[in-house]
Amino acid sequence: MALEDRYGLPISTSSPEAASAYREGVDLMLAGWTGTAETLERATAADPDFALAHIARARLHGFYQQGDLARQKAALARELVATRGTERERSHVETLALAIEGRLPEAIAATMKHVEAWPRDALVLSLPLGAFGLFAFSGMADHDRARQELCERVAHDYGEDWWFLTMYGWAMTENGNVGRGRGVTERGFELRRQNAHAVHAVLHAMFEDGSIEAADRLVDDWIPSYDRAGILHGHIRWHQALGALEHGDAARALAIYADVLQPKATQAPPLNLVTDGASLLWRLSAYGHAVPRALWVEADATAQRLFPKSSLPFADIHMALFAAATQNREALVARLTAIEQRLANGKLPAGPVVPAVCRALAAFADEDYAACVQMLAPVLDEVVRLGGSHAQRELIEDTFVVALMRSGDLPRARALLDARLHRRPSLRDTRWRAAMG
């Protein structure tokens, strides 16, 4: 009898031990849980020729920016699946390998073709989903809508699956359907409590609907069950720090930074390490709270090692935060030059918004608020092309609001805050609005 994955798809291994470890390892990956690497390695130890286990392990290496190891395992999986694999498995390996290699347009095309044929191949379906998925980092202006529509197309294939409900609900939330999205995500969370992606998605819904105290309680109640080495541990606490800032509690936000986000404390993947740290310190400073320069310098040194060259626009924007905050003009000029070159060569799908935001952040740090406003105003509607979540991208709009206030353009600041408060409750925006009269 053929062995299958949890979604009923045949897998080419004759080892029940390998199949069991693979099923468990994929579930751990889809839940963002610790033990994923060790479990997948048990699968490859039980069957060294099991291509799907190798490509899953390669994907995990990719999360942690271990590029050489990821590509090596992807190459091995390609070799193995060519001689022992079904058509579905060959497509699965190739699609994940393209994503690992950073070949985004090809990976998106392969994903869509694969999902059309095998909608219940969850690991492939996961590629375009989430704030750091293929859609978000494609430069698309409508990636939030695209994720929801993709989930809607396959919803009948998954039913009450805990992983799918988590991602489907989050896609709704990011696309503006917050109430429904929260309900669907919470249903997935109840089906599997040991699911960091579900907690994360619920926190996004709570951010959007203004449930700051409930979000804080959720993290306090749930986080003791999640190891600090978990891929989302630091980021979930980052959300809690944003809640502290809603209350104007800079001391608590800085305490969370020191506990789990500071380079010497965090175990997060490189992209989360850089983006969570930079964005929290920038928000603290932009909101008028004191940030010790030593924190910026330490975090910048780590970030420069991890992202020395222009790469993902989302990473580049956060590297610009570091360069602006530390007044490292040489680093900013070098990165902007590389970004402009990629734009000129047609290799920057996110487009002109990337250099424009980088320059605006530098102007803000130089306290040239009028210039910051002038640079950001034309591209605010394009910020979505940078990727990430709405909560993460709101940093750019917050910078714009503060620049408006500090440059004396109170009518525009009031209008923008009124629009934001109409969209969702915010203690911080309410305070800002009240201060302007």
Protein backbone atom coordinates (compact mmCIF):
# COMPACT_ATOMS: atom_id res chain seq x y z
CA MET A 1 0.00 0.00 0.00
CA ALA A 2 1.42 3.41 -1.02
CA LEU A 3 2.37 5.80 1.74
CA GLU A 4 0.81 9.27 1.77
CA ASP A 5 1.31 12.71 3.26
CA ARG A 6 -1.29 14.17 5.63
CA TYR A 7 -3.27 15.55 2.70
CA GLY A 8 -3.66 12.14 1.04
CA LEU A 9 -1.01 12.64 -1.65
CA PRO A 10 1.21 9.63 -2.42
CA ILE A 11 4.87 9.99 -1.41
CA SER A 12 7.73 7.98 -2.91
CA THR A 13 9.23 6.25 0.06
CA SER A 14 8.88 2.65 1.17
CA SER A 15 9.87 3.52 4.74
CA PRO A 16 6.97 4.01 7.16
CA GLU A 17 9.42 5.74 9.53
CA ALA A 18 10.46 8.22 6.83
CA ALA A 19 6.84 8.88 5.86
CA SER A 20 5.78 9.44 9.46
CA ALA A 21 8.69 11.82 10.16
CA TYR A 22 7.99 13.69 6.92
CA ARG A 23 4.32 14.17 7.78
CA GLU A 24 5.24 15.42 11.25
CA GLY A 25 8.04 17.66 9.91
CA VAL A 26 5.79 19.33 7.36
CA ASP A 27 3.14 19.95 10.01
CA LEU A 28 5.76 21.49 12.30
CA MET A 29 6.92 23.72 9.45
CA LEU A 30 3.38 24.80 8.61
CA ALA A 31 2.85 25.60 12.30
CA GLY A 32 6.14 27.51 12.63
CA TRP A 33 7.07 25.14 15.45
CA THR A 34 10.40 24.03 16.82
CA GLY A 35 11.75 20.58 16.01
CA THR A 36 11.07 20.90 12.28
CA ALA A 37 14.70 20.47 11.20
CA GLU A 38 15.34 17.48 13.44
CA THR A 39 12.13 15.77 12.36
CA LEU A 40 12.83 16.20 8.64
CA GLU A 41 16.36 14.92 9.19
CA ARG A 42 14.89 11.81 10.79
CA ALA A 43 12.97 11.32 7.55
CA THR A 44 16.08 11.57 5.38
CA ALA A 45 18.02 9.31 7.77
CA ALA A 46 15.30 6.66 7.47
CA ASP A 47 15.29 7.00 3.66
CA PRO A 48 18.27 8.94 2.21
CA ASP A 49 16.64 8.86 -1.25
CA PHE A 50 13.40 10.56 -0.14
CA ALA A 51 13.38 13.68 -2.29
CA LEU A 52 10.42 15.43 -0.64
CA ALA A 53 12.09 15.35 2.77
CA HIS A 54 15.26 16.87 1.30
CA ILE A 55 13.43 19.72 -0.43
CA ALA A 56 11.42 20.45 2.73
CA ARG A 57 14.68 20.65 4.68
CA ALA A 58 16.07 22.93 1.96
CA ARG A 59 13.14 25.28 2.40
CA LEU A 60 13.83 25.51 6.12
CA HIS A 61 17.47 26.36 5.40
CA GLY A 62 16.15 29.11 3.13
CA PHE A 63 14.12 30.63 5.96
CA TYR A 64 17.35 31.13 7.87
CA GLN A 65 19.27 32.52 4.90
CA GLN A 66 21.50 29.44 4.76
CA GLY A 67 21.71 29.74 0.99
CA ASP A 68 24.46 27.27 0.22
CA LEU A 69 22.88 24.49 2.27
CA ALA A 70 19.45 25.24 0.82
CA ARG A 71 20.69 25.08 -2.76
CA GLN A 72 22.69 21.92 -2.12
CA LYS A 73 19.69 20.10 -0.71
CA ALA A 74 17.47 21.42 -3.51
CA ALA A 75 19.93 20.09 -6.08
CA LEU A 76 19.97 16.70 -4.34
CA ALA A 77 16.17 16.61 -4.26
CA ARG A 78 16.02 17.37 -7.98
CA GLU A 79 18.44 14.53 -8.69
CA LEU A 80 16.57 12.04 -6.50
CA VAL A 81 13.07 12.89 -7.68
CA ALA A 82 14.11 12.47 -11.32
CA THR A 83 14.72 8.76 -10.76
CA ARG A 84 12.23 8.05 -7.99
CA GLY A 85 9.25 10.33 -8.00
CA THR A 86 5.81 10.90 -9.44
CA GLU A 87 4.88 13.76 -11.73
CA ARG A 88 3.43 15.60 -8.73
CA GLU A 89 6.62 15.12 -6.71
CA ARG A 90 8.82 16.32 -9.56
CA SER A 91 6.71 19.45 -9.90
CA HIS A 92 6.72 19.90 -6.11
CA VAL A 93 10.51 19.71 -5.90
CA GLU A 94 11.06 22.00 -8.88
CA THR A 95 8.62 24.63 -7.60
CA LEU A 96 10.18 24.75 -4.14
CA ALA A 97 13.67 24.78 -5.66
CA LEU A 98 12.81 27.80 -7.82
CA ALA A 99 11.58 29.65 -4.72
CA ILE A 100 14.72 28.70 -2.79
CA GLU A 101 16.87 30.03 -5.63
CA GLY A 102 15.04 33.36 -5.56
CA ARG A 103 13.66 32.98 -9.08
CA LEU A 104 10.38 34.63 -8.15
CA PRO A 105 8.54 34.96 -11.49
CA GLU A 106 9.34 31.36 -12.42
CA ALA A 107 8.44 30.15 -8.92
CA ILE A 108 5.08 31.96 -9.02
CA ALA A 109 4.25 30.53 -12.44
CA ALA A 110 5.23 27.01 -11.33
CA THR A 111 3.23 27.38 -8.11
CA MET A 112 0.05 28.41 -9.88
CA LYS A 113 0.35 25.56 -12.38
CA HIS A 114 1.06 23.07 -9.60
CA VAL A 115 -1.80 24.20 -7.36
CA GLU A 116 -4.19 23.94 -10.29
CA ALA A 117 -3.28 20.26 -10.67
CA TRP A 118 -2.71 19.37 -7.00
CA PRO A 119 -4.53 21.91 -4.80
CA ARG A 120 -3.96 19.89 -1.63
CA ASP A 121 -0.17 20.11 -1.88
CA ALA A 122 0.02 22.43 1.12
CA LEU A 123 3.78 23.04 1.10
CA VAL A 124 3.58 24.39 -2.45
CA LEU A 125 0.41 26.36 -1.70
CA SER A 126 2.21 27.97 1.24
CA LEU A 127 4.80 29.58 -1.05
CA PRO A 128 2.74 32.60 -2.21
CA LEU A 129 0.94 33.09 1.12
CA GLY A 130 1.89 35.22 4.10
CA ALA A 131 3.68 38.54 4.47
CA PHE A 132 7.01 37.12 3.26
CA GLY A 133 5.59 34.88 0.52
CA LEU A 134 6.14 34.91 -3.22
CA PHE A 135 3.15 37.20 -3.86
CA ALA A 136 4.18 39.74 -1.20
CA PHE A 137 7.75 39.96 -2.53
CA SER A 138 6.78 39.96 -6.21
CA GLY A 139 6.29 43.73 -6.45
CA MET A 140 2.55 43.23 -7.04
CA ALA A 141 0.33 46.09 -5.90
CA ASP A 142 -2.58 43.70 -5.27
CA HIS A 143 -0.81 40.85 -3.45
CA ASP A 144 -3.22 41.08 -0.49
CA ARG A 145 -6.19 40.48 -2.78
CA ALA A 146 -4.32 37.82 -4.76
CA ARG A 147 -3.70 35.75 -1.62
CA GLN A 148 -7.34 35.82 -0.61
CA GLU A 149 -8.50 34.90 -4.12
CA LEU A 150 -6.04 32.01 -4.29
CA CYS A 151 -7.29 30.68 -0.96
CA GLU A 152 -10.90 31.03 -2.10
CA ARG A 153 -10.17 28.92 -5.18
CA VAL A 154 -8.96 25.98 -3.10
CA ALA A 155 -11.02 26.39 0.07
CA HIS A 156 -13.30 23.46 -0.80
CA ASP A 157 -10.22 21.22 -1.11
CA TYR A 158 -9.17 21.90 2.49
CA GLY A 159 -12.35 22.23 4.52
CA GLU A 160 -11.60 22.57 8.24
CA ASP A 161 -7.85 22.08 7.94
CA TRP A 162 -6.05 23.97 10.73
CA TRP A 163 -3.20 25.23 8.55
CA PHE A 164 -5.41 26.35 5.68
CA LEU A 165 -7.86 28.18 7.93
CA THR A 166 -4.94 30.03 9.51
CA MET A 167 -3.62 31.28 6.18
CA TYR A 168 -7.04 31.88 4.62
CA GLY A 169 -8.15 33.98 7.57
CA TRP A 170 -4.95 36.00 7.54
CA ALA A 171 -5.32 36.62 3.80
CA MET A 172 -8.82 37.99 4.45
CA THR A 173 -7.55 40.22 7.25
CA GLU A 174 -4.77 41.71 5.13
CA ASN A 175 -7.24 42.28 2.30
CA GLY A 176 -9.47 44.36 4.55
CA ASN A 177 -12.00 41.68 5.56
CA VAL A 178 -10.90 41.87 9.18
CA GLY A 179 -13.96 40.57 11.01
CA ARG A 180 -14.36 37.49 8.85
CA GLY A 181 -10.61 36.96 8.72
CA ARG A 182 -10.27 36.98 12.48
CA GLY A 183 -13.07 34.46 12.89
CA VAL A 184 -11.60 32.04 10.34
CA THR A 185 -8.11 32.34 11.79
CA GLU A 186 -9.35 31.79 15.34
CA ARG A 187 -11.13 28.64 14.14
CA GLY A 188 -7.83 27.32 12.76
CA PHE A 189 -6.06 28.24 15.99
CA GLU A 190 -8.57 26.30 18.07
CA LEU A 191 -7.96 23.22 15.92
CA ARG A 192 -4.23 23.34 16.68
CA ARG A 193 -3.07 25.53 19.55
CA GLN A 194 0.59 24.69 18.93
CA ASN A 195 0.56 26.83 15.82
CA ALA A 196 2.66 29.99 15.86
CA HIS A 197 1.34 31.10 12.48
CA ALA A 198 -2.21 31.06 13.85
CA VAL A 199 -1.33 33.19 16.87
CA HIS A 200 0.52 35.54 14.55
CA ALA A 201 -2.45 35.81 12.19
CA VAL A 202 -4.86 36.44 15.08
CA LEU A 203 -2.54 39.22 16.32
CA HIS A 204 -2.72 40.86 12.89
CA ALA A 205 -6.51 40.83 13.04
CA MET A 206 -6.39 42.29 16.55
CA PHE A 207 -4.02 45.00 15.33
CA GLU A 208 -6.48 45.90 12.59
CA ASP A 209 -9.58 45.94 14.79
CA GLY A 210 -7.93 47.73 17.71
CA SER A 211 -8.05 44.86 20.22
CA ILE A 212 -4.78 45.90 21.86
CA GLU A 213 -5.46 44.59 25.37
CA ALA A 214 -6.81 41.29 24.06
CA ALA A 215 -3.71 40.88 21.90
CA ASP A 216 -1.47 41.53 24.90
CA ARG A 217 -3.30 38.90 26.95
CA LEU A 218 -3.14 36.41 24.09
CA VAL A 219 0.63 36.71 23.88
CA ASP A 220 1.09 36.52 27.66
CA ASP A 221 -1.10 33.43 27.89
CA TRP A 222 0.28 31.60 24.86
CA ILE A 223 3.98 32.48 24.57
CA PRO A 224 5.15 30.27 27.52
CA SER A 225 4.23 27.24 25.39
CA TYR A 226 6.50 28.38 22.54
CA ASP A 227 10.25 27.88 22.67
CA ARG A 228 12.39 31.00 22.22
CA ALA A 229 14.02 29.25 19.26
CA GLY A 230 10.68 29.21 17.44
CA ILE A 231 10.83 30.96 14.08
CA LEU A 232 8.12 33.49 15.09
CA HIS A 233 8.91 33.87 18.80
CA GLY A 234 10.57 37.27 18.51
CA HIS A 235 8.10 38.54 15.94
CA ILE A 236 5.11 37.65 18.12
CA ARG A 237 6.68 39.64 20.97
CA TRP A 238 7.29 42.47 18.43
CA HIS A 239 3.53 42.63 18.02
CA GLN A 240 3.26 42.96 21.79
CA ALA A 241 5.78 45.83 21.66
CA LEU A 242 3.57 47.59 19.09
CA GLY A 243 0.73 47.27 21.57
CA ALA A 244 2.88 48.88 24.24
CA LEU A 245 3.54 51.79 21.89
CA GLU A 246 -0.20 52.20 21.35
CA HIS A 247 -0.33 53.01 25.06
CA GLY A 248 2.75 55.22 24.82
CA ASP A 249 4.69 52.74 26.99
CA ALA A 250 8.18 53.11 25.55
CA ALA A 251 9.82 51.45 28.55
CA ARG A 252 7.91 48.23 27.96
CA ALA A 253 8.61 48.30 24.22
CA LEU A 254 12.34 48.73 24.91
CA ALA A 255 12.21 45.92 27.47
CA ILE A 256 10.70 43.59 24.86
CA TYR A 257 13.40 44.69 22.40
CA ALA A 258 16.13 43.84 24.92
CA ASP A 259 14.53 40.51 25.79
CA VAL A 260 13.89 38.99 22.37
CA LEU A 261 14.67 41.38 19.48
CA GLN A 262 18.15 42.71 20.22
CA PRO A 263 20.77 40.88 18.10
CA LYS A 264 22.47 39.32 21.11
CA ALA A 265 19.13 38.00 22.40
CA THR A 266 17.17 36.90 19.35
CA GLN A 267 17.11 33.53 17.61
CA ALA A 268 14.99 34.83 14.74
CA PRO A 269 15.75 34.27 11.04
CA PRO A 270 17.85 37.07 9.52
CA LEU A 271 15.01 38.88 7.77
CA ASN A 272 12.91 39.03 10.94
CA LEU A 273 15.94 40.01 13.01
CA VAL A 274 16.64 43.01 10.81
CA THR A 275 13.09 44.16 10.08
CA ASP A 276 11.62 43.73 13.56
CA GLY A 277 14.53 45.44 15.28
CA ALA A 278 14.84 48.35 12.87
CA SER A 279 11.11 49.04 12.68
CA LEU A 280 10.60 49.00 16.44
CA LEU A 281 13.54 51.32 17.15
CA TRP A 282 12.42 53.66 14.35
CA ARG A 283 8.86 53.78 15.64
CA LEU A 284 10.08 54.55 19.15
CA SER A 285 12.19 57.42 17.86
CA ALA A 286 9.58 58.75 15.43
CA TYR A 287 6.93 58.74 18.15
CA GLY A 288 9.18 60.97 20.27
CA HIS A 289 10.74 58.43 22.63
CA ALA A 290 14.46 58.33 23.41
CA VAL A 291 16.38 55.43 21.86
CA PRO A 292 19.97 54.93 23.04
CA ARG A 293 22.30 55.33 20.07
CA ALA A 294 24.17 52.21 21.18
CA LEU A 295 21.11 50.12 20.32
CA TRP A 296 21.07 51.46 16.77
CA VAL A 297 24.81 50.97 16.31
CA GLU A 298 24.77 47.39 17.60
CA ALA A 299 21.75 46.42 15.49
CA ASP A 300 23.17 48.14 12.42
CA ALA A 301 26.45 46.22 12.68
CA THR A 302 24.54 42.94 12.71
CA ALA A 303 22.27 44.00 9.86
CA GLN A 304 25.21 45.03 7.67
CA ARG A 305 26.70 41.55 8.07
CA LEU A 306 23.41 39.86 7.16
CA PHE A 307 22.37 42.12 4.26
CA PRO A 308 25.56 43.75 2.95
CA LYS A 309 24.13 44.20 -0.54
CA SER A 310 20.82 45.30 -2.02
CA SER A 311 18.42 42.36 -2.06
CA LEU A 312 14.70 42.22 -1.29
CA PRO A 313 13.11 45.68 -1.32
CA PHE A 314 11.57 44.93 2.06
CA ALA A 315 15.05 44.29 3.49
CA ASP A 316 16.48 47.34 1.68
CA ILE A 317 13.91 49.65 3.26
CA HIS A 318 14.83 48.46 6.73
CA MET A 319 18.54 48.76 5.96
CA ALA A 320 17.77 52.36 4.99
CA LEU A 321 16.27 52.84 8.46
CA PHE A 322 19.58 51.79 9.98
CA ALA A 323 21.63 54.01 7.65
CA ALA A 324 19.37 57.00 8.32
CA ALA A 325 19.24 56.55 12.08
CA THR A 326 23.01 56.10 12.41
CA GLN A 327 23.74 58.86 9.86
CA ASN A 328 25.74 56.35 7.81
CA ARG A 329 25.50 58.27 4.56
CA GLU A 330 28.10 56.11 2.83
CA ALA A 331 26.05 52.96 3.41
CA LEU A 332 22.86 54.67 2.27
CA VAL A 333 24.45 56.03 -0.91
CA ALA A 334 25.92 52.62 -1.75
CA ARG A 335 22.59 50.87 -1.27
CA LEU A 336 20.67 53.54 -3.19
CA THR A 337 23.13 53.28 -6.06
CA ALA A 338 22.58 49.52 -6.23
CA ILE A 339 18.80 49.95 -6.01
CA GLU A 340 18.78 52.55 -8.80
CA GLN A 341 20.92 50.27 -10.96
CA ARG A 342 18.49 47.38 -10.48
CA LEU A 343 15.61 49.72 -11.30
CA ALA A 344 17.33 50.91 -14.49
CA ASN A 345 17.98 47.30 -15.52
CA GLY A 346 14.38 46.28 -15.01
CA LYS A 347 15.28 44.03 -12.07
CA LEU A 348 13.31 45.81 -9.35
CA PRO A 349 9.67 44.68 -9.65
CA ALA A 350 8.59 46.89 -6.75
CA GLY A 351 9.62 49.91 -8.85
CA PRO A 352 10.50 53.52 -7.96
CA VAL A 353 8.81 53.35 -4.56
CA VAL A 354 11.93 51.64 -3.16
CA PRO A 355 14.48 54.44 -3.68
CA ALA A 356 11.84 57.09 -2.93
CA VAL A 357 11.10 55.63 0.50
CA CYS A 358 14.81 55.20 1.26
CA ARG A 359 15.46 58.88 0.49
CA ALA A 360 12.42 60.00 2.49
CA LEU A 361 13.60 58.08 5.55
CA ALA A 362 16.99 59.76 5.29
CA ALA A 363 15.31 63.17 5.08
CA PHE A 364 13.24 62.38 8.15
CA ALA A 365 16.34 61.39 10.12
CA ASP A 366 17.96 64.66 9.01
CA GLU A 367 14.88 66.46 10.41
CA ASP A 368 14.06 67.78 6.93
CA TYR A 369 10.40 66.95 7.39
CA ALA A 370 9.14 69.00 4.46
CA ALA A 371 11.43 67.06 2.11
CA CYS A 372 10.28 63.77 3.66
CA VAL A 373 6.66 64.72 2.98
CA GLN A 374 7.48 65.79 -0.57
CA MET A 375 9.21 62.47 -1.30
CA LEU A 376 6.65 60.19 0.35
CA ALA A 377 3.40 61.80 -0.79
CA PRO A 378 3.58 60.59 -4.42
CA VAL A 379 4.42 56.98 -3.50
CA LEU A 380 2.28 56.25 -0.44
CA ASP A 381 -0.18 54.22 -2.52
CA GLU A 382 2.72 52.18 -3.90
CA VAL A 383 4.23 51.18 -0.53
CA VAL A 384 2.24 47.94 -0.69
CA ARG A 385 4.67 46.82 -3.45
CA LEU A 386 7.41 46.48 -0.84
CA GLY A 387 5.77 43.38 0.63
CA GLY A 388 5.37 42.50 4.27
CA SER A 389 2.13 42.98 6.19
CA HIS A 390 -0.02 46.05 6.64
CA ALA A 391 1.19 46.32 10.25
CA GLN A 392 4.79 46.35 9.06
CA ARG A 393 4.21 48.80 6.19
CA GLU A 394 2.32 51.19 8.45
CA LEU A 395 5.73 52.37 9.63
CA ILE A 396 6.04 54.33 6.37
CA GLU A 397 2.67 55.99 6.78
CA ASP A 398 3.45 56.76 10.43
CA THR A 399 6.66 58.45 9.31
CA PHE A 400 4.64 60.50 6.83
CA VAL A 401 2.10 61.55 9.49
CA VAL A 402 4.83 62.63 11.92
CA ALA A 403 6.64 64.49 9.12
CA LEU A 404 3.40 66.32 8.29
CA MET A 405 2.95 67.34 11.92
CA ARG A 406 6.55 68.43 12.40
CA SER A 407 6.60 70.38 9.13
CA GLY A 408 3.49 72.27 10.24
CA ASP A 409 1.12 70.78 7.66
CA LEU A 410 -1.60 70.11 10.22
CA PRO A 411 -4.59 70.07 7.82
CA ARG A 412 -3.15 67.13 5.88
CA ALA A 413 -2.09 65.39 9.09
CA ARG A 414 -5.61 65.74 10.50
CA ALA A 415 -7.20 64.44 7.31
CA LEU A 416 -4.92 61.39 7.20
CA LEU A 417 -5.47 60.59 10.88
CA ASP A 418 -9.23 60.97 10.48
CA ALA A 419 -9.15 58.51 7.59
CA ARG A 420 -7.06 56.04 9.58
CA LEU A 421 -9.30 56.29 12.63
CA HIS A 422 -12.33 55.69 10.43
CA ARG A 423 -10.64 52.53 9.14
CA ARG A 424 -9.57 51.18 12.53
CA PRO A 425 -9.32 52.29 16.18
CA SER A 426 -5.88 53.42 17.37
CA LEU A 427 -4.99 54.87 20.75
CA ARG A 428 -1.87 56.45 19.27
CA ASP A 429 -3.71 58.09 16.37
CA THR A 430 -6.36 59.33 18.80
CA ARG A 431 -3.67 60.99 20.93
CA TRP A 432 -2.04 62.54 17.87
CA ARG A 433 -5.37 63.80 16.59
CA ALA A 434 -6.30 65.30 19.96
CA ALA A 435 -2.95 67.07 20.21
CA MET A 436 -3.71 68.93 16.97
CA GLY A 437 -7.14 70.09 18.10
